[in-house]
Amino acid sequence: MQKVHCTQVDKIVAQFDKEKLTLEKNLEKAIKKKGGNSCVEMKKETENKIQVLTSDHKSKVRKCQPSFTLASHFGSSHADHSFLT
């Protein structure tokens, strides 16, 4: 189960890195094409896309994380973790 989870997270991370790199390359190309002074709006738009991509990535990773907790495994009577000390 853990291996499957790691594989899913690795795929999500790889996809995120690929999409982010693509957006950054597109920004660099646009800056070169339009010139440095007229690209402020385009830079903001690309930064917004990267921010949305990062948020989506974080939510996907959270969905893939196992829902294991000490309380769910041992029951609420051990939720205070006193048995660990």
Protein backbone atom coordinates (compact mmCIF):
# COMPACT_ATOMS: atom_id res chain seq x y z
CA MET A 1 0.00 0.00 0.00
CA GLN A 2 2.79 2.42 0.94
CA LYS A 3 4.61 1.70 -2.35
CA VAL A 4 1.46 2.46 -4.37
CA HIS A 5 1.02 5.70 -2.46
CA CYS A 6 4.64 6.72 -3.11
CA THR A 7 4.24 5.94 -6.80
CA GLN A 8 1.11 8.10 -7.01
CA VAL A 9 2.81 11.00 -5.25
CA ASP A 10 5.91 10.65 -7.45
CA LYS A 11 3.72 10.84 -10.57
CA ILE A 12 1.93 13.94 -9.27
CA VAL A 13 5.24 15.62 -8.40
CA ALA A 14 6.69 14.80 -11.83
CA GLN A 15 3.60 16.18 -13.58
CA PHE A 16 3.74 19.33 -11.44
CA ASP A 17 7.42 19.89 -12.23
CA LYS A 18 6.80 19.39 -15.94
CA GLU A 19 3.86 21.83 -16.03
CA LYS A 20 5.75 24.43 -13.99
CA LEU A 21 8.79 24.18 -16.26
CA THR A 22 6.56 24.60 -19.32
CA LEU A 23 4.96 27.75 -17.88
CA GLU A 24 8.36 29.20 -17.00
CA LYS A 25 9.69 28.50 -20.51
CA ASN A 26 6.62 30.11 -22.07
CA LEU A 27 7.18 33.18 -19.91
CA GLU A 28 10.82 33.44 -20.96
CA LYS A 29 9.88 33.12 -24.64
CA ALA A 30 7.19 35.78 -24.30
CA ILE A 31 9.59 38.14 -22.54
CA LYS A 32 12.13 37.73 -25.33
CA LYS A 33 9.45 38.20 -27.99
CA LYS A 34 7.78 41.29 -26.50
CA GLY A 35 10.71 42.85 -24.73
CA GLY A 36 11.32 43.27 -21.03
CA ASN A 37 9.26 46.43 -20.47
CA SER A 38 5.88 45.32 -21.83
CA CYS A 39 5.68 41.92 -20.16
CA VAL A 40 4.60 42.83 -16.61
CA GLU A 41 1.00 41.74 -17.23
CA MET A 42 2.15 38.50 -18.84
CA LYS A 43 4.49 37.80 -15.93
CA LYS A 44 1.65 38.32 -13.43
CA GLU A 45 -0.61 36.01 -15.43
CA THR A 46 2.07 33.31 -15.52
CA GLU A 47 2.76 33.68 -11.80
CA ASN A 48 -0.97 33.26 -11.15
CA LYS A 49 -1.02 30.10 -13.27
CA ILE A 50 1.96 28.72 -11.34
CA GLN A 51 0.24 29.55 -8.05
CA VAL A 52 -2.93 27.74 -9.17
CA LEU A 53 -0.82 24.80 -10.33
CA THR A 54 0.93 24.69 -6.95
CA SER A 55 -2.41 24.76 -5.11
CA ASP A 56 -3.78 21.98 -7.30
CA HIS A 57 -0.63 19.95 -6.72
CA LYS A 58 -0.85 20.34 -2.95
CA SER A 59 -4.51 19.29 -2.91
CA LYS A 60 -3.75 16.22 -5.03
CA VAL A 61 -0.92 15.21 -2.71
CA ARG A 62 -3.22 15.62 0.31
CA LYS A 63 -5.79 13.36 -1.36
CA CYS A 64 -3.16 10.67 -1.93
CA GLN A 65 -1.82 10.74 1.61
CA PRO A 66 -2.98 7.82 3.72
CA SER A 67 -5.49 8.69 6.40
CA PHE A 68 -3.66 6.70 9.09
CA THR A 69 -3.52 8.30 12.52
CA LEU A 70 -2.75 6.89 15.93
CA ALA A 71 -6.30 7.63 17.04
CA SER A 72 -7.80 5.74 14.11
CA HIS A 73 -5.45 2.80 14.58
CA PHE A 74 -5.54 2.43 18.38
CA GLY A 75 -8.89 4.04 19.12
CA SER A 76 -9.68 7.28 20.86
CA SER A 77 -8.67 5.95 24.29
CA HIS A 78 -5.01 6.13 23.23
CA ALA A 79 -5.30 9.42 21.38
CA ASP A 80 -3.44 11.27 24.13
CA HIS A 81 -0.23 9.40 23.10
CA SER A 82 0.63 8.75 26.76
CA PHE A 83 1.67 5.23 25.89
CA LEU A 84 4.58 6.61 23.83
CA THR A 85 6.37 8.12 26.85
